[in-house]
Amino acid sequence: MLFLFGQQVFNLFIAHLNHEACDQVTHALLVEQEGENLLNAVIDNEEKGFLENSSRGQTNSIDYGDKKPNFNHLYNLVQDNPAQIKQLDKIRYIYNQWQRELKQKALSGSVSKSALAKSTLFDSLRNEIENLIQGQEMLLRVRKNRVRHLNDINTAINIFSTLVILLGAVLNFQLLYRRVKLPLNKLTQVCELWQAGQMEVQLCHSSIDEIGQLAGVLNAIADKTRHRQESIEGRNQQLEDMISALSHDLRIPLLATRNTLECMSRGAFGSVNDTWKEVFEEYHEANEELLKLVELLLDISRYEARSACLAYDRLNWEKILIKVIGQVKATSTRELGFVCKISQLLPTVYGDELEIQRVLQNLLDNAVRVSKPKGEILLEITPYEEGQVKISVRDYGSGITPQAQEKLFHRFIQGRGHRGRSGLGLYLCRQIIEAHGGNIGVESSLGEGSTFWFTLPSAINNLDCNDEQNITRCSKNDY
């Protein structure tokens, strides 16, 4: 910007000099023109007038015509040039002397054309006027050369300024690339790592500009977020450890209570009437619910700690569906129809059969709970993208809102028809499927029902390292 400003100032200066030079050229042309007029007037009018008057003897009234010399105009044109004024004074002096000589010769009657041509004053006058004209021509050439040089300088400056502007633009783009684009690209990469959970990564950009200040602020935010995450993870780990410990400690007395209630209801400690049998049965059912909740918490703790021991066998989907549907029918009082569709081109899938049955049973229990009496539930197993298998459980209940779908597989979230339950079933299903290397989700529309689905990979090598270690050191009997 400073260079452009300087260029404009210089262009204005060159334009001013060019304007002055043009004025000087015009002035020189006018002086030269007036000098030529003076020479023509001297040669044409004066000589002609004196000769004619002398031939007729009219010496007192001489007519010079329209081309009488105008010294005043010349004096006005050269008033700023002392040398030219001095030269013009000399011309005027010779001109006056020559006039007097002509008058004297005219009075004496000795004037003639040949004598006039040989007049020394006339020759001097003509030479001086020609010198004046030649001087103006030389001055005119000098001034024209100056105008041309100024134009050449202006052209060179414009070419140079264009090259400098182009070079400055290239350097500016490179500077912007180094100081803006590269830091922003690095900022984007670091933000992507932050989004992936790697909050320990820092922006290594230190400068005093705005991007450097932004990097410092973002680094500070990342540090606070990382410390907050570590604090939250620490508290969550403490809470999970406490839940695991409590669940483990509660399981033993709950088992003892269940055995005691069974013995009391059978009369092992004495005869029991029908009223007490009903009371013992209610206590037994409540104890069973607590025991199931404790075992569920223990299973979740094992999966979260990645210490769950899974046995991987080739899954027989017909066998799994028969067992799951039989268990659901045995525990449900509703009359529902189960429709099973198993594709004939399924890839081979390995997994823990008992855990997969557990997931399917949980999904079917939920579907039965929300289905209308004498309704229908669809179970479908089809190939999925990238050699996977997709298992779907479709019900025709009331559906689930989009807000509820987002948190349905989190801990302690109760879905439709789950009032009074723990809200851990779907969360455990997610843990089991993710431990197998698959995904789980739901598709639902209000009033049209829901489809719970999960996918499983067709090969064991899709699982993580911990799962592969479990394959080598665990068996179905160990589980």
Protein backbone atom coordinates (compact mmCIF):
# COMPACT_ATOMS: atom_id res chain seq x y z
CA MET A 1 0.00 0.00 0.00
CA LEU A 2 2.87 2.40 0.76
CA PHE A 3 4.48 1.55 -2.56
CA LEU A 4 1.20 2.22 -4.41
CA PHE A 5 0.83 5.51 -2.59
CA GLY A 6 4.41 6.48 -3.48
CA GLN A 7 3.81 5.48 -7.08
CA GLN A 8 0.73 7.69 -7.32
CA VAL A 9 2.63 10.64 -5.82
CA PHE A 10 5.49 10.10 -8.28
CA ASN A 11 3.00 9.83 -11.18
CA LEU A 12 1.50 13.15 -10.13
CA PHE A 13 4.99 14.68 -10.01
CA ILE A 14 5.84 13.29 -13.47
CA ALA A 15 2.51 14.59 -14.80
CA HIS A 16 3.31 18.04 -13.39
CA LEU A 17 6.75 18.03 -15.01
CA ASN A 18 5.25 16.80 -18.26
CA HIS A 19 2.68 19.58 -18.17
CA GLU A 20 5.41 22.18 -17.60
CA ALA A 21 7.49 20.72 -20.42
CA CYS A 22 4.50 20.82 -22.77
CA ASP A 23 3.89 24.45 -21.82
CA GLN A 24 7.55 25.21 -22.53
CA VAL A 25 7.32 23.48 -25.91
CA THR A 26 4.23 25.52 -26.75
CA HIS A 27 5.99 28.70 -25.62
CA ALA A 28 9.05 27.88 -27.77
CA LEU A 29 6.77 27.27 -30.77
CA LEU A 30 5.13 30.65 -30.25
CA VAL A 31 8.48 32.43 -29.96
CA GLU A 32 9.73 30.67 -33.08
CA GLN A 33 6.55 31.58 -34.93
CA GLU A 34 6.83 35.21 -33.90
CA GLY A 35 10.51 35.22 -34.93
CA GLU A 36 9.55 33.93 -38.37
CA ASN A 37 6.80 36.53 -38.60
CA LEU A 38 9.37 39.18 -37.71
CA LEU A 39 11.75 37.94 -40.40
CA ASN A 40 8.98 37.81 -42.99
CA ALA A 41 7.78 41.28 -42.04
CA VAL A 42 11.27 42.71 -42.36
CA ILE A 43 11.94 41.07 -45.70
CA ASP A 44 8.51 41.40 -47.31
CA ASN A 45 6.92 44.57 -45.98
CA GLU A 46 9.74 46.91 -45.01
CA GLU A 47 11.85 46.38 -48.08
CA LYS A 48 8.84 46.51 -50.37
CA GLY A 49 7.43 49.65 -48.72
CA PHE A 50 10.70 51.62 -48.85
CA LEU A 51 11.37 50.70 -52.43
CA GLU A 52 7.93 51.67 -53.63
CA ASN A 53 7.87 54.98 -51.69
CA SER A 54 11.35 55.90 -52.80
CA SER A 55 10.41 55.28 -56.42
CA ARG A 56 7.44 57.62 -56.10
CA GLY A 57 9.27 60.12 -53.90
CA GLN A 58 6.90 59.58 -50.94
CA THR A 59 9.31 59.62 -48.02
CA ASN A 60 7.04 61.05 -45.34
CA SER A 61 4.24 58.44 -45.33
CA ILE A 62 5.26 54.82 -45.60
CA ASP A 63 2.63 52.00 -45.55
CA TYR A 64 3.94 48.75 -44.04
CA GLY A 65 0.80 46.73 -44.62
CA ASP A 66 -0.55 44.07 -42.18
CA LYS A 67 2.88 42.51 -41.50
CA LYS A 68 4.51 45.30 -39.54
CA PRO A 69 6.92 43.83 -36.90
CA ASN A 70 5.34 43.46 -33.42
CA PHE A 71 8.19 43.65 -30.95
CA ASN A 72 5.84 44.04 -27.97
CA HIS A 73 4.38 40.55 -28.44
CA LEU A 74 7.86 39.07 -28.63
CA TYR A 75 8.90 40.97 -25.51
CA ASN A 76 5.87 39.51 -23.68
CA LEU A 77 6.80 35.99 -24.77
CA VAL A 78 10.49 36.21 -23.74
CA GLN A 79 10.08 38.36 -20.65
CA ASP A 80 11.26 35.49 -18.40
CA ASN A 81 14.45 34.90 -20.44
CA PRO A 82 17.05 37.68 -19.98
CA ALA A 83 19.27 36.31 -22.77
CA GLN A 84 16.44 36.39 -25.27
CA ILE A 85 15.42 39.88 -24.11
CA LYS A 86 18.98 41.05 -24.69
CA GLN A 87 19.01 39.42 -28.13
CA LEU A 88 15.64 41.00 -28.95
CA ASP A 89 16.94 44.43 -27.87
CA LYS A 90 19.84 43.99 -30.29
CA ILE A 91 17.45 43.02 -33.10
CA ARG A 92 15.26 46.01 -32.38
CA TYR A 93 18.29 48.32 -32.32
CA ILE A 94 19.55 47.03 -35.67
CA TYR A 95 16.05 47.23 -37.05
CA ASN A 96 15.77 50.91 -36.05
CA GLN A 97 19.23 51.64 -37.50
CA TRP A 98 18.26 49.94 -40.70
CA GLN A 99 15.06 52.02 -40.90
CA ARG A 100 16.97 55.25 -40.47
CA GLU A 101 19.46 54.19 -43.15
CA LEU A 102 16.63 53.46 -45.54
CA LYS A 103 15.03 56.82 -44.88
CA GLN A 104 18.28 58.65 -45.47
CA LYS A 105 18.87 56.83 -48.73
CA ALA A 106 15.29 57.47 -49.75
CA LEU A 107 15.69 61.25 -49.12
CA SER A 108 18.91 61.37 -51.06
CA GLY A 109 17.36 59.32 -53.89
CA SER A 110 20.23 56.85 -53.98
CA VAL A 111 18.27 53.81 -52.85
CA SER A 112 18.06 50.84 -55.17
CA LYS A 113 17.21 47.22 -54.98
CA SER A 114 20.79 46.08 -55.38
CA ALA A 115 22.01 48.53 -52.82
CA LEU A 116 19.35 47.40 -50.41
CA ALA A 117 20.37 43.80 -50.88
CA LYS A 118 23.96 44.75 -50.07
CA SER A 119 22.98 46.67 -46.93
CA THR A 120 25.13 45.57 -43.99
CA LEU A 121 22.42 46.41 -41.46
CA PHE A 122 19.87 44.33 -43.31
CA ASP A 123 22.18 41.34 -43.34
CA SER A 124 22.93 41.80 -39.64
CA LEU A 125 19.22 42.11 -38.89
CA ARG A 126 18.39 38.99 -40.83
CA ASN A 127 21.23 37.05 -39.21
CA GLU A 128 20.12 38.08 -35.72
CA ILE A 129 16.53 37.09 -36.40
CA GLU A 130 17.69 33.78 -37.87
CA ASN A 131 19.90 33.24 -34.80
CA LEU A 132 16.84 33.90 -32.61
CA ILE A 133 14.82 31.37 -34.59
CA GLN A 134 17.63 28.80 -34.54
CA GLY A 135 18.03 29.29 -30.79
CA GLN A 136 14.32 28.65 -30.33
CA GLU A 137 14.54 25.59 -32.55
CA MET A 138 17.38 24.22 -30.43
CA LEU A 139 15.45 25.05 -27.26
CA LEU A 140 12.37 23.39 -28.78
CA ARG A 141 14.35 20.20 -29.51
CA VAL A 142 15.73 20.19 -25.98
CA ARG A 143 12.27 20.56 -24.51
CA LYS A 144 10.81 17.89 -26.79
CA ASN A 145 13.57 15.56 -25.70
CA ARG A 146 12.74 16.36 -22.09
CA VAL A 147 9.08 15.52 -22.69
CA ARG A 148 10.10 12.26 -24.35
CA HIS A 149 12.47 11.41 -21.49
CA LEU A 150 9.73 12.13 -18.96
CA ASN A 151 7.35 9.84 -20.86
CA ASP A 152 10.02 7.13 -20.99
CA ILE A 153 10.63 7.49 -17.26
CA ASN A 154 6.90 7.31 -16.59
CA THR A 155 6.59 4.17 -18.73
CA ALA A 156 9.56 2.53 -16.99
CA ILE A 157 8.18 3.42 -13.59
CA ASN A 158 4.79 1.95 -14.50
CA ILE A 159 6.39 -1.29 -15.75
CA PHE A 160 8.59 -1.48 -12.66
CA SER A 161 5.64 -0.77 -10.35
CA THR A 162 3.58 -3.46 -12.09
CA LEU A 163 6.35 -6.01 -11.58
CA VAL A 164 6.79 -4.93 -7.96
CA ILE A 165 3.03 -5.17 -7.35
CA LEU A 166 2.95 -8.68 -8.84
CA LEU A 167 5.97 -9.70 -6.75
CA GLY A 168 4.40 -8.14 -3.67
CA ALA A 169 1.14 -9.98 -4.33
CA VAL A 170 3.00 -13.31 -4.63
CA LEU A 171 4.99 -12.63 -1.45
CA ASN A 172 1.81 -11.54 0.32
CA PHE A 173 0.01 -14.74 -0.69
CA GLN A 174 2.96 -16.80 0.53
CA LEU A 175 2.99 -14.87 3.78
CA LEU A 176 -0.75 -15.37 4.21
CA TYR A 177 -0.31 -19.08 3.45
CA ARG A 178 2.40 -19.44 6.10
CA ARG A 179 0.76 -17.24 8.72
CA VAL A 180 -2.92 -18.07 8.13
CA LYS A 181 -3.61 -21.20 6.09
CA LEU A 182 -0.97 -23.46 7.65
CA PRO A 183 -1.94 -22.54 11.25
CA LEU A 184 -5.63 -22.98 10.40
CA ASN A 185 -4.93 -26.40 8.87
CA LYS A 186 -3.01 -27.38 12.01
CA LEU A 187 -5.84 -26.01 14.13
CA THR A 188 -8.34 -28.11 12.18
CA GLN A 189 -6.25 -31.26 12.62
CA VAL A 190 -5.86 -30.68 16.36
CA CYS A 191 -9.59 -29.96 16.72
CA GLU A 192 -10.35 -33.25 14.95
CA LEU A 193 -8.09 -35.02 17.48
CA TRP A 194 -9.92 -33.22 20.28
CA GLN A 195 -13.20 -34.35 18.80
CA ALA A 196 -11.88 -37.91 18.87
CA GLY A 197 -11.16 -37.49 22.60
CA GLN A 198 -7.41 -36.84 22.48
CA MET A 199 -7.52 -33.69 24.57
CA GLU A 200 -3.84 -33.97 25.53
CA VAL A 201 -2.79 -32.75 22.06
CA GLN A 202 -1.72 -29.09 22.08
CA LEU A 203 -1.54 -26.44 19.38
CA CYS A 204 2.16 -25.71 18.80
CA HIS A 205 1.66 -22.24 17.35
CA SER A 206 3.19 -19.30 19.15
CA SER A 207 2.89 -15.85 17.63
CA ILE A 208 1.68 -12.42 18.65
CA ASP A 209 -1.05 -12.25 16.01
CA GLU A 210 -4.71 -13.14 16.43
CA ILE A 211 -4.19 -16.79 15.43
CA GLY A 212 -1.54 -17.15 18.14
CA GLN A 213 -3.92 -15.66 20.70
CA LEU A 214 -6.67 -18.02 19.49
CA ALA A 215 -4.30 -20.98 19.80
CA GLY A 216 -3.50 -19.98 23.38
CA VAL A 217 -7.18 -19.70 24.28
CA LEU A 218 -7.98 -23.07 22.66
CA ASN A 219 -5.06 -24.74 24.45
CA ALA A 220 -6.33 -23.38 27.75
CA ILE A 221 -9.85 -24.63 27.00
CA ALA A 222 -8.45 -28.05 26.02
CA ASP A 223 -6.48 -28.24 29.27
CA LYS A 224 -9.53 -27.39 31.35
CA THR A 225 -11.65 -29.87 29.40
CA ARG A 226 -9.03 -32.60 29.80
CA HIS A 227 -8.76 -32.02 33.56
CA ARG A 228 -12.53 -31.99 33.83
CA GLN A 229 -12.77 -35.23 31.85
CA GLU A 230 -10.13 -36.86 34.01
CA SER A 231 -12.00 -35.74 37.11
CA ILE A 232 -15.30 -37.04 35.75
CA GLU A 233 -13.71 -40.32 34.67
CA GLY A 234 -12.17 -40.67 38.11
CA ARG A 235 -15.51 -40.09 39.82
CA ASN A 236 -17.26 -42.46 37.39
CA GLN A 237 -14.63 -45.10 38.03
CA GLN A 238 -15.08 -44.70 41.77
CA LEU A 239 -18.84 -44.96 41.35
CA GLU A 240 -18.52 -48.04 39.14
CA ASP A 241 -16.13 -49.64 41.61
CA MET A 242 -18.56 -48.88 44.42
CA ILE A 243 -21.48 -50.34 42.46
CA SER A 244 -19.45 -53.41 41.58
CA ALA A 245 -18.38 -53.90 45.18
CA LEU A 246 -21.88 -53.35 46.52
CA SER A 247 -23.35 -55.67 43.90
CA HIS A 248 -20.84 -58.37 44.75
CA ASP A 249 -21.44 -57.95 48.48
CA LEU A 250 -25.20 -57.94 48.06
CA ARG A 251 -25.32 -61.05 45.88
CA ILE A 252 -24.31 -63.44 48.68
CA PRO A 253 -26.95 -62.36 51.24
CA LEU A 254 -29.61 -62.22 48.49
CA LEU A 255 -28.78 -65.79 47.50
CA ALA A 256 -28.96 -66.84 51.14
CA THR A 257 -32.31 -65.05 51.53
CA ARG A 258 -33.69 -66.78 48.43
CA ASN A 259 -32.69 -70.23 49.75
CA THR A 260 -34.14 -69.42 53.16
CA LEU A 261 -37.46 -68.23 51.67
CA GLU A 262 -37.71 -71.36 49.52
CA CYS A 263 -37.12 -73.57 52.56
CA MET A 264 -39.65 -71.66 54.67
CA SER A 265 -42.31 -71.82 51.93
CA ARG A 266 -41.79 -75.63 51.72
CA GLY A 267 -42.25 -75.95 55.50
CA ALA A 268 -38.69 -76.84 56.42
CA PHE A 269 -39.00 -74.85 59.64
CA GLY A 270 -42.53 -75.90 60.47
CA SER A 271 -45.93 -75.98 58.92
CA VAL A 272 -46.94 -72.85 56.95
CA ASN A 273 -50.49 -71.87 56.17
CA ASP A 274 -51.64 -70.43 52.84
CA THR A 275 -51.40 -66.83 54.01
CA TRP A 276 -47.75 -67.15 54.94
CA LYS A 277 -47.04 -69.02 51.72
CA GLU A 278 -48.33 -66.04 49.75
CA VAL A 279 -46.20 -63.70 51.87
CA PHE A 280 -43.12 -65.86 51.34
CA GLU A 281 -43.78 -66.02 47.61
CA GLU A 282 -44.01 -62.20 47.40
CA TYR A 283 -40.77 -61.92 49.36
CA HIS A 284 -39.22 -64.49 47.06
CA GLU A 285 -40.29 -62.59 43.93
CA ALA A 286 -38.93 -59.30 45.35
CA ASN A 287 -35.68 -61.06 46.27
CA GLU A 288 -35.43 -62.49 42.74
CA GLU A 289 -35.85 -59.00 41.24
CA LEU A 290 -33.10 -57.65 43.47
CA LEU A 291 -30.87 -60.60 42.64
CA LYS A 292 -31.41 -60.07 38.90
CA LEU A 293 -30.58 -56.38 39.29
CA VAL A 294 -27.40 -57.19 41.22
CA GLU A 295 -26.31 -59.75 38.61
CA LEU A 296 -27.09 -57.21 35.87
CA LEU A 297 -24.91 -54.62 37.59
CA LEU A 298 -22.10 -57.15 37.92
CA ASP A 299 -22.32 -58.03 34.21
CA ILE A 300 -22.25 -54.35 33.25
CA SER A 301 -19.24 -53.79 35.48
CA ARG A 302 -17.39 -56.64 33.78
CA TYR A 303 -18.12 -55.29 30.31
CA GLU A 304 -17.17 -51.73 31.24
CA ALA A 305 -13.92 -53.02 32.74
CA ARG A 306 -13.37 -55.07 29.56
CA SER A 307 -12.92 -58.14 31.66
CA ALA A 308 -15.95 -60.06 30.34
CA CYS A 309 -14.98 -63.56 29.26
CA LEU A 310 -16.67 -64.43 25.95
CA ALA A 311 -16.69 -67.77 24.17
CA TYR A 312 -16.75 -67.53 20.38
CA ASP A 313 -18.56 -70.31 18.53
CA ARG A 314 -20.24 -70.48 15.16
CA LEU A 315 -23.74 -69.13 15.65
CA ASN A 316 -26.74 -71.24 14.58
CA TRP A 317 -29.50 -68.68 14.08
CA GLU A 318 -32.38 -71.18 13.85
CA LYS A 319 -31.37 -72.74 17.13
CA ILE A 320 -30.97 -69.35 18.80
CA LEU A 321 -34.38 -68.10 17.63
CA ILE A 322 -36.15 -71.28 18.75
CA LYS A 323 -34.65 -71.01 22.25
CA VAL A 324 -35.35 -67.30 22.61
CA ILE A 325 -38.95 -67.50 21.37
CA GLY A 326 -39.59 -70.51 23.64
CA GLN A 327 -38.30 -68.62 26.69
CA VAL A 328 -40.35 -65.53 25.86
CA LYS A 329 -43.52 -67.58 25.38
CA ALA A 330 -42.90 -69.38 28.66
CA THR A 331 -42.65 -66.15 30.64
CA SER A 332 -45.33 -64.12 28.82
CA THR A 333 -49.07 -64.38 29.23
CA ARG A 334 -49.90 -62.57 25.97
CA GLU A 335 -50.90 -64.38 22.82
CA LEU A 336 -48.61 -63.05 20.11
CA GLY A 337 -47.46 -64.29 16.74
CA PHE A 338 -43.74 -64.56 15.96
CA VAL A 339 -42.66 -64.38 12.32
CA CYS A 340 -39.05 -65.38 11.60
CA LYS A 341 -37.22 -64.61 8.35
CA ILE A 342 -33.70 -65.96 7.96
CA SER A 343 -31.81 -65.30 4.74
CA GLN A 344 -30.22 -68.28 2.99
CA LEU A 345 -27.03 -66.36 2.08
CA LEU A 346 -25.79 -65.40 5.50
CA PRO A 347 -22.04 -65.16 6.14
CA THR A 348 -20.58 -67.22 8.95
CA VAL A 349 -20.68 -65.36 12.28
CA TYR A 350 -18.83 -66.26 15.47
CA GLY A 351 -19.94 -65.12 18.90
CA ASP A 352 -20.98 -66.04 22.41
CA GLU A 353 -24.26 -67.86 21.89
CA LEU A 354 -25.57 -67.30 25.42
CA GLU A 355 -24.85 -63.56 25.31
CA ILE A 356 -26.46 -63.18 21.87
CA GLN A 357 -29.50 -65.05 23.17
CA ARG A 358 -29.55 -62.67 26.11
CA VAL A 359 -29.63 -59.67 23.77
CA LEU A 360 -32.38 -61.15 21.60
CA GLN A 361 -34.45 -62.11 24.62
CA ASN A 362 -34.20 -58.58 26.02
CA LEU A 363 -35.30 -57.07 22.70
CA LEU A 364 -38.15 -59.59 22.39
CA ASP A 365 -39.30 -58.93 25.97
CA ASN A 366 -39.50 -55.24 25.19
CA ALA A 367 -41.38 -55.92 21.94
CA VAL A 368 -43.85 -58.20 23.72
CA ARG A 369 -44.41 -55.61 26.43
CA VAL A 370 -45.42 -52.86 23.96
CA SER A 371 -47.30 -55.03 21.45
CA LYS A 372 -51.07 -55.23 21.34
CA PRO A 373 -52.80 -58.50 22.26
CA LYS A 374 -52.79 -61.04 19.45
CA GLY A 375 -50.33 -58.84 17.64
CA GLU A 376 -47.32 -59.86 15.60
CA ILE A 377 -43.56 -59.55 16.10
CA LEU A 378 -41.16 -59.91 13.17
CA LEU A 379 -37.65 -61.32 13.62
CA GLU A 380 -35.42 -60.97 10.57
CA ILE A 381 -31.79 -61.96 9.95
CA THR A 382 -30.22 -60.68 6.73
CA PRO A 383 -26.75 -60.02 5.29
CA TYR A 384 -25.40 -56.53 5.90
CA GLU A 385 -22.73 -54.37 4.34
CA GLU A 386 -19.05 -55.40 4.46
CA GLY A 387 -19.78 -59.04 5.28
CA GLN A 388 -21.85 -58.48 8.39
CA VAL A 389 -25.14 -59.91 9.64
CA LYS A 390 -28.06 -57.73 10.71
CA ILE A 391 -30.61 -59.00 13.26
CA SER A 392 -33.87 -57.03 13.54
CA VAL A 393 -36.81 -57.24 15.96
CA ARG A 394 -39.90 -55.44 14.65
CA ASP A 395 -42.95 -54.60 16.77
CA TYR A 396 -46.13 -52.68 15.90
CA GLY A 397 -46.55 -50.76 19.13
CA SER A 398 -46.87 -47.05 19.78
CA GLY A 399 -43.34 -46.15 18.69
CA ILE A 400 -40.61 -44.05 20.32
CA THR A 401 -40.02 -40.29 20.07
CA PRO A 402 -36.77 -39.08 18.42
CA GLN A 403 -35.66 -37.47 21.70
CA ALA A 404 -36.02 -40.80 23.54
CA GLN A 405 -34.20 -42.72 20.80
CA GLU A 406 -31.00 -40.72 21.33
CA LYS A 407 -30.64 -41.85 24.98
CA LEU A 408 -32.30 -45.24 24.80
CA PHE A 409 -29.08 -47.26 25.05
CA HIS A 410 -27.61 -45.25 27.94
CA ARG A 411 -27.53 -46.27 31.56
CA PHE A 412 -30.65 -45.88 33.73
CA ILE A 413 -32.81 -44.77 30.76
CA GLN A 414 -36.28 -46.30 30.72
CA GLY A 415 -38.08 -46.69 27.41
CA ARG A 416 -41.79 -47.00 26.70
CA GLY A 417 -43.52 -49.57 28.92
CA HIS A 418 -40.53 -49.85 31.28
CA ARG A 419 -41.86 -47.99 34.28
CA GLY A 420 -40.51 -49.35 37.54
CA ARG A 421 -37.60 -51.21 35.89
CA SER A 422 -33.89 -50.44 36.20
CA GLY A 423 -33.29 -49.06 32.70
CA LEU A 424 -30.10 -51.13 32.28
CA GLY A 425 -31.26 -53.83 29.86
CA LEU A 426 -30.62 -51.99 26.60
CA TYR A 427 -27.39 -50.57 28.00
CA LEU A 428 -26.16 -54.11 28.70
CA CYS A 429 -27.25 -55.16 25.20
CA ARG A 430 -25.12 -52.38 23.76
CA GLN A 431 -22.13 -53.50 25.85
CA ILE A 432 -22.52 -57.09 24.65
CA ILE A 433 -22.85 -56.18 20.97
CA GLU A 434 -19.93 -53.73 21.06
CA ALA A 435 -17.82 -56.40 22.78
CA HIS A 436 -18.57 -58.59 19.75
CA GLY A 437 -17.45 -55.81 17.39
CA GLY A 438 -20.96 -54.88 16.22
CA ASN A 439 -23.40 -51.99 16.48
CA ILE A 440 -26.91 -51.65 17.89
CA GLY A 441 -29.66 -49.14 17.19
CA VAL A 442 -33.35 -48.46 16.76
CA GLU A 443 -35.63 -47.10 14.05
CA SER A 444 -39.04 -45.95 15.16
CA SER A 445 -42.01 -43.79 14.19
CA LEU A 446 -44.79 -42.75 16.53
CA GLY A 447 -47.89 -44.84 15.96
CA GLU A 448 -46.14 -47.27 13.58
CA GLY A 449 -43.96 -49.33 15.90
CA SER A 450 -40.21 -49.79 16.32
CA THR A 451 -37.40 -51.89 14.88
CA PHE A 452 -34.50 -52.71 17.18
CA TRP A 453 -31.49 -54.06 15.32
CA PHE A 454 -27.89 -55.02 15.88
CA THR A 455 -25.07 -56.13 13.60
CA LEU A 456 -22.31 -58.68 14.06
CA PRO A 457 -19.11 -59.06 12.04
CA SER A 458 -18.60 -62.21 10.01
CA ALA A 459 -14.98 -62.75 11.12
CA ILE A 460 -13.25 -62.80 14.49
CA ASN A 461 -10.43 -60.52 13.30
CA ASN A 462 -12.86 -57.59 13.34
CA LEU A 463 -12.75 -57.68 17.14
CA ASP A 464 -10.27 -55.78 19.25
CA CYS A 465 -7.14 -57.19 20.91
CA ASN A 466 -8.78 -57.75 24.28
CA ASP A 467 -11.52 -59.84 22.65
CA GLU A 468 -8.94 -61.93 20.80
CA GLN A 469 -7.16 -62.59 24.07
CA ASN A 470 -10.48 -63.68 25.55
CA ILE A 471 -10.94 -66.12 22.65
CA THR A 472 -7.65 -67.83 23.39
CA ARG A 473 -8.06 -68.09 27.15
CA CYS A 474 -11.81 -68.63 27.56
CA SER A 475 -14.08 -71.43 26.61
CA LYS A 476 -17.82 -71.95 26.77
CA ASN A 477 -17.50 -74.13 29.84
CA ASP A 478 -15.39 -71.48 31.64
CA TYR A 479 -18.10 -68.91 31.01
